[in-house]
C-alpha cells in the first residue's frame, strides 16, 4: 500500500460487500467487495444494491457498516480497498453469473 493511498478518501456509499459472495468465496474480500455507481434496486420498497457477481441483493454499503458502528469491519474493508486499484473491484460482465 502506497503512502498516498493511505490518505485517499473512499466514497462509502459506492463501495459494497456482498454477504452471499463472502460465504461462497470462504470470506475472500477480493471476491466479495465491489464498487458500483449504478442505481439501487427496489425490493419491498427498500433500495438495495444488486451484486454484479451473484445477482443477489444481500449487500451492504460501507456507509451502512460505518453507521452500524462496526469500526473494525469498516477499517479492514477500507484497507483492502486502498491496497488494490479500484478496477480490481469493478466486476466485468464476464465475471457475472447468469441469474435465471
N, C-alpha and C. Protein backbone atom coordinates (compact mmCIF):
# COMPACT_ATOMS: atom_id res chain seq x y z
N UNK A 1 0.85 -1.16 0.00
CA UNK A 1 0.00 0.00 0.00
C UNK A 1 0.90 1.22 0.00
N UNK A 2 0.69 2.10 -0.98
CA UNK A 2 1.49 3.30 -1.07
C UNK A 2 1.09 4.33 -0.03
N UNK A 3 1.99 5.27 0.19
CA UNK A 3 1.74 6.30 1.19
C UNK A 3 0.54 7.16 0.82
N UNK A 4 0.43 7.55 -0.44
CA UNK A 4 -0.69 8.39 -0.86
C UNK A 4 -2.03 7.66 -0.79
N UNK A 5 -2.03 6.35 -1.04
CA UNK A 5 -3.29 5.61 -0.99
C UNK A 5 -3.82 5.52 0.44
N UNK A 6 -2.96 5.67 1.42
CA UNK A 6 -3.41 5.65 2.82
C UNK A 6 -4.29 6.86 3.14
N UNK A 7 -4.09 7.95 2.40
CA UNK A 7 -4.86 9.17 2.64
C UNK A 7 -6.01 9.35 1.67
N UNK A 8 -6.15 8.44 0.73
CA UNK A 8 -7.21 8.54 -0.27
C UNK A 8 -8.58 8.39 0.38
N UNK A 9 -9.47 9.28 0.04
CA UNK A 9 -10.84 9.26 0.59
C UNK A 9 -11.67 8.22 -0.16
N UNK A 10 -12.44 7.46 0.57
CA UNK A 10 -13.29 6.42 -0.02
C UNK A 10 -14.74 6.87 0.08
N UNK A 11 -15.45 6.83 -1.05
CA UNK A 11 -16.87 7.15 -1.06
C UNK A 11 -17.61 5.90 -0.58
N UNK A 12 -17.93 5.85 0.69
CA UNK A 12 -18.51 4.65 1.30
C UNK A 12 -19.87 4.29 0.73
N UNK A 13 -20.55 5.23 0.10
CA UNK A 13 -21.86 4.94 -0.47
C UNK A 13 -21.75 4.17 -1.78
N UNK A 14 -20.59 4.12 -2.39
CA UNK A 14 -20.37 3.43 -3.67
C UNK A 14 -19.67 2.09 -3.54
N UNK A 15 -19.16 1.79 -2.36
CA UNK A 15 -18.48 0.53 -2.10
C UNK A 15 -19.40 -0.40 -1.32
N UNK A 16 -19.45 -1.67 -1.74
CA UNK A 16 -20.37 -2.63 -1.14
C UNK A 16 -19.67 -3.95 -0.86
N UNK A 17 -20.22 -4.68 0.09
CA UNK A 17 -19.79 -6.04 0.36
C UNK A 17 -21.03 -6.92 0.24
N UNK A 18 -20.86 -8.03 -0.48
CA UNK A 18 -21.97 -8.97 -0.70
C UNK A 18 -21.81 -10.14 0.26
N UNK A 19 -22.79 -10.35 1.10
CA UNK A 19 -22.73 -11.45 2.08
C UNK A 19 -22.79 -12.81 1.41
N UNK A 20 -23.55 -12.92 0.31
CA UNK A 20 -23.64 -14.19 -0.41
C UNK A 20 -22.28 -14.55 -1.01
N UNK A 21 -21.64 -13.60 -1.67
CA UNK A 21 -20.32 -13.85 -2.25
C UNK A 21 -19.28 -14.12 -1.16
N UNK A 22 -19.42 -13.45 -0.03
CA UNK A 22 -18.49 -13.65 1.08
C UNK A 22 -18.58 -15.10 1.56
N UNK A 23 -19.78 -15.64 1.66
CA UNK A 23 -19.96 -17.02 2.09
C UNK A 23 -19.45 -17.99 1.04
N UNK A 24 -19.79 -17.75 -0.22
CA UNK A 24 -19.39 -18.66 -1.30
C UNK A 24 -17.88 -18.65 -1.54
N UNK A 25 -17.21 -17.53 -1.27
CA UNK A 25 -15.77 -17.44 -1.52
C UNK A 25 -14.95 -17.74 -0.26
N UNK A 26 -15.62 -18.23 0.77
CA UNK A 26 -14.94 -18.55 2.04
C UNK A 26 -14.25 -17.32 2.63
N UNK A 27 -14.98 -16.21 2.66
CA UNK A 27 -14.56 -14.95 3.26
C UNK A 27 -13.38 -14.29 2.56
N UNK A 28 -13.34 -14.40 1.24
CA UNK A 28 -12.33 -13.71 0.44
C UNK A 28 -12.87 -12.33 0.07
N UNK A 29 -12.31 -11.30 0.70
CA UNK A 29 -12.81 -9.95 0.49
C UNK A 29 -12.67 -9.50 -0.96
N UNK A 30 -11.61 -9.94 -1.63
CA UNK A 30 -11.40 -9.54 -3.03
C UNK A 30 -12.52 -10.03 -3.94
N UNK A 31 -13.15 -11.13 -3.57
CA UNK A 31 -14.25 -11.67 -4.37
C UNK A 31 -15.61 -11.26 -3.83
N UNK A 32 -15.64 -10.51 -2.74
CA UNK A 32 -16.90 -10.15 -2.10
C UNK A 32 -17.20 -8.65 -2.12
N UNK A 33 -16.17 -7.84 -2.28
CA UNK A 33 -16.32 -6.39 -2.29
C UNK A 33 -16.45 -5.94 -3.74
N UNK A 34 -17.34 -4.98 -3.98
CA UNK A 34 -17.45 -4.41 -5.32
C UNK A 34 -17.76 -2.93 -5.25
N UNK A 35 -17.42 -2.26 -6.33
CA UNK A 35 -17.67 -0.82 -6.47
C UNK A 35 -18.76 -0.66 -7.51
N UNK A 36 -19.74 0.19 -7.23
CA UNK A 36 -20.82 0.39 -8.18
C UNK A 36 -21.33 1.82 -8.11
N UNK A 37 -21.53 2.39 -9.28
CA UNK A 37 -22.15 3.70 -9.38
C UNK A 37 -23.57 3.57 -9.91
N UNK A 38 -24.04 2.34 -10.08
CA UNK A 38 -25.37 2.09 -10.61
C UNK A 38 -26.47 2.40 -9.62
N UNK A 39 -27.70 2.45 -10.11
CA UNK A 39 -28.83 2.74 -9.23
C UNK A 39 -29.21 1.50 -8.41
N UNK A 40 -29.73 1.72 -7.21
CA UNK A 40 -30.18 0.57 -6.41
C UNK A 40 -31.46 -0.03 -6.97
N UNK A 41 -31.75 -1.26 -6.56
CA UNK A 41 -32.95 -1.97 -6.95
C UNK A 41 -33.93 -1.91 -5.79
N UNK A 42 -35.18 -1.59 -6.07
CA UNK A 42 -36.18 -1.55 -5.00
C UNK A 42 -36.71 -2.95 -4.73
N UNK A 43 -36.58 -3.41 -3.49
CA UNK A 43 -37.11 -4.70 -3.05
C UNK A 43 -37.99 -4.41 -1.84
N UNK A 44 -39.28 -4.65 -2.01
CA UNK A 44 -40.26 -4.37 -0.96
C UNK A 44 -40.17 -2.92 -0.48
N UNK A 45 -39.95 -2.02 -1.43
CA UNK A 45 -39.91 -0.60 -1.12
C UNK A 45 -38.61 -0.10 -0.54
N UNK A 46 -37.64 -0.97 -0.35
CA UNK A 46 -36.34 -0.55 0.21
C UNK A 46 -35.27 -0.67 -0.86
N UNK A 47 -34.43 0.36 -1.01
CA UNK A 47 -33.38 0.29 -2.04
C UNK A 47 -32.23 -0.64 -1.62
N UNK A 48 -31.89 -1.55 -2.50
CA UNK A 48 -30.77 -2.48 -2.29
C UNK A 48 -29.87 -2.41 -3.52
N UNK A 49 -28.59 -2.65 -3.32
CA UNK A 49 -27.68 -2.70 -4.45
C UNK A 49 -27.55 -4.16 -4.88
N UNK A 50 -27.75 -4.40 -6.15
CA UNK A 50 -27.66 -5.75 -6.70
C UNK A 50 -26.19 -6.10 -6.94
N UNK A 51 -25.78 -7.24 -6.46
CA UNK A 51 -24.39 -7.68 -6.62
C UNK A 51 -24.15 -8.06 -8.08
N UNK A 52 -23.14 -7.50 -8.71
CA UNK A 52 -22.87 -7.84 -10.11
C UNK A 52 -22.31 -9.24 -10.30
N UNK A 53 -21.83 -9.87 -9.23
CA UNK A 53 -21.27 -11.22 -9.36
C UNK A 53 -22.35 -12.29 -9.26
N UNK A 54 -23.15 -12.23 -8.20
CA UNK A 54 -24.12 -13.31 -7.96
C UNK A 54 -25.55 -12.90 -8.28
N UNK A 55 -25.79 -11.60 -8.46
CA UNK A 55 -27.13 -11.13 -8.78
C UNK A 55 -28.03 -10.97 -7.57
N UNK A 56 -27.53 -11.26 -6.39
CA UNK A 56 -28.33 -11.14 -5.18
C UNK A 56 -28.35 -9.72 -4.64
N UNK A 57 -29.23 -9.50 -3.69
CA UNK A 57 -29.33 -8.18 -3.05
C UNK A 57 -28.95 -8.24 -1.58
N UNK A 58 -28.22 -9.25 -1.20
CA UNK A 58 -27.76 -9.40 0.18
C UNK A 58 -26.45 -8.61 0.34
N UNK A 59 -26.54 -7.30 0.11
CA UNK A 59 -25.36 -6.44 0.12
C UNK A 59 -25.53 -5.33 1.14
N UNK A 60 -24.40 -4.79 1.56
CA UNK A 60 -24.40 -3.62 2.44
C UNK A 60 -23.31 -2.67 1.97
N UNK A 61 -23.61 -1.40 1.99
CA UNK A 61 -22.60 -0.41 1.61
C UNK A 61 -21.65 -0.21 2.79
N UNK A 62 -20.48 0.29 2.49
CA UNK A 62 -19.53 0.59 3.55
C UNK A 62 -20.13 1.63 4.49
N UNK A 63 -20.94 2.55 3.95
CA UNK A 63 -21.56 3.57 4.78
C UNK A 63 -22.52 2.95 5.80
N UNK A 64 -23.29 1.95 5.36
CA UNK A 64 -24.20 1.25 6.29
C UNK A 64 -23.41 0.57 7.41
N UNK A 65 -22.30 -0.05 7.05
CA UNK A 65 -21.47 -0.73 8.05
C UNK A 65 -20.91 0.29 9.03
N UNK A 66 -20.47 1.43 8.52
CA UNK A 66 -19.96 2.51 9.37
C UNK A 66 -21.05 3.02 10.31
N UNK A 67 -22.26 3.24 9.77
CA UNK A 67 -23.38 3.75 10.56
C UNK A 67 -23.79 2.78 11.67
N UNK A 68 -23.59 1.48 11.44
CA UNK A 68 -23.92 0.46 12.44
C UNK A 68 -22.91 0.45 13.59
N UNK A 69 -21.78 1.11 13.39
CA UNK A 69 -20.77 1.15 14.43
C UNK A 69 -19.78 0.00 14.39
N UNK A 70 -19.70 -0.68 13.26
CA UNK A 70 -18.76 -1.79 13.12
C UNK A 70 -17.40 -1.25 12.65
N UNK A 71 -16.72 -0.59 13.56
CA UNK A 71 -15.46 0.09 13.23
C UNK A 71 -14.38 -0.88 12.75
N UNK A 72 -14.26 -2.04 13.37
CA UNK A 72 -13.23 -3.00 12.98
C UNK A 72 -13.48 -3.52 11.57
N UNK A 73 -14.73 -3.81 11.26
CA UNK A 73 -15.07 -4.32 9.93
C UNK A 73 -14.80 -3.27 8.87
N UNK A 74 -15.23 -2.04 9.09
CA UNK A 74 -15.04 -0.99 8.09
C UNK A 74 -13.56 -0.68 7.92
N UNK A 75 -12.80 -0.72 8.99
CA UNK A 75 -11.37 -0.47 8.90
C UNK A 75 -10.70 -1.52 8.02
N UNK A 76 -11.06 -2.79 8.22
CA UNK A 76 -10.48 -3.86 7.41
C UNK A 76 -10.88 -3.78 5.95
N UNK A 77 -12.15 -3.49 5.69
CA UNK A 77 -12.61 -3.38 4.31
C UNK A 77 -11.96 -2.20 3.60
N UNK A 78 -11.82 -1.08 4.28
CA UNK A 78 -11.19 0.08 3.66
C UNK A 78 -9.72 -0.15 3.40
N UNK A 79 -9.05 -0.91 4.24
CA UNK A 79 -7.64 -1.25 3.99
C UNK A 79 -7.51 -2.08 2.71
N UNK A 80 -8.43 -3.04 2.53
CA UNK A 80 -8.41 -3.86 1.32
C UNK A 80 -8.62 -2.99 0.09
N UNK A 81 -9.58 -2.07 0.16
CA UNK A 81 -9.91 -1.20 -0.97
C UNK A 81 -8.75 -0.27 -1.31
N UNK A 82 -8.07 0.21 -0.31
CA UNK A 82 -6.93 1.11 -0.54
C UNK A 82 -5.71 0.36 -1.06
N UNK A 83 -5.61 -0.91 -0.73
CA UNK A 83 -4.43 -1.70 -1.12
C UNK A 83 -4.41 -2.03 -2.61
N UNK A 84 -5.58 -2.21 -3.20
CA UNK A 84 -5.68 -2.61 -4.60
C UNK A 84 -6.33 -1.50 -5.42
N UNK A 85 -6.04 -1.44 -6.71
CA UNK A 85 -6.70 -0.44 -7.56
C UNK A 85 -8.19 -0.72 -7.69
N UNK A 86 -8.97 0.33 -7.93
CA UNK A 86 -10.42 0.18 -8.00
C UNK A 86 -10.85 -0.81 -9.08
N UNK A 87 -10.12 -0.89 -10.17
CA UNK A 87 -10.51 -1.81 -11.25
C UNK A 87 -10.54 -3.26 -10.77
N UNK A 88 -9.84 -3.56 -9.68
CA UNK A 88 -9.86 -4.90 -9.08
C UNK A 88 -11.27 -5.25 -8.59
N UNK A 89 -12.04 -4.23 -8.21
CA UNK A 89 -13.35 -4.44 -7.62
C UNK A 89 -14.50 -4.11 -8.55
N UNK A 90 -14.20 -3.60 -9.73
CA UNK A 90 -15.23 -3.34 -10.72
C UNK A 90 -15.44 -4.64 -11.48
N UNK A 91 -16.62 -5.18 -11.41
CA UNK A 91 -16.90 -6.50 -11.97
C UNK A 91 -17.25 -6.39 -13.44
N UNK A 92 -16.54 -7.16 -14.25
CA UNK A 92 -16.82 -7.16 -15.69
C UNK A 92 -17.99 -8.09 -15.98
N UNK A 93 -18.67 -7.90 -17.12
CA UNK A 93 -19.79 -8.79 -17.46
C UNK A 93 -19.40 -10.26 -17.55
N UNK A 94 -18.15 -10.55 -17.88
CA UNK A 94 -17.70 -11.95 -17.99
C UNK A 94 -17.66 -12.64 -16.63
N UNK A 95 -17.51 -11.86 -15.55
CA UNK A 95 -17.44 -12.44 -14.21
C UNK A 95 -18.81 -12.68 -13.60
N UNK A 96 -19.84 -12.08 -14.15
CA UNK A 96 -21.16 -12.22 -13.54
C UNK A 96 -21.75 -13.59 -13.82
N UNK A 97 -22.53 -14.07 -12.86
CA UNK A 97 -23.23 -15.34 -13.02
C UNK A 97 -24.55 -15.07 -13.71
N UNK A 98 -24.99 -15.99 -14.51
CA UNK A 98 -26.31 -15.81 -15.12
C UNK A 98 -27.37 -16.14 -14.08
N UNK A 99 -28.33 -15.22 -13.94
CA UNK A 99 -29.39 -15.37 -12.96
C UNK A 99 -30.66 -15.74 -13.70
N UNK A 100 -31.24 -16.90 -13.37
CA UNK A 100 -32.46 -17.36 -14.03
C UNK A 100 -33.67 -17.00 -13.23
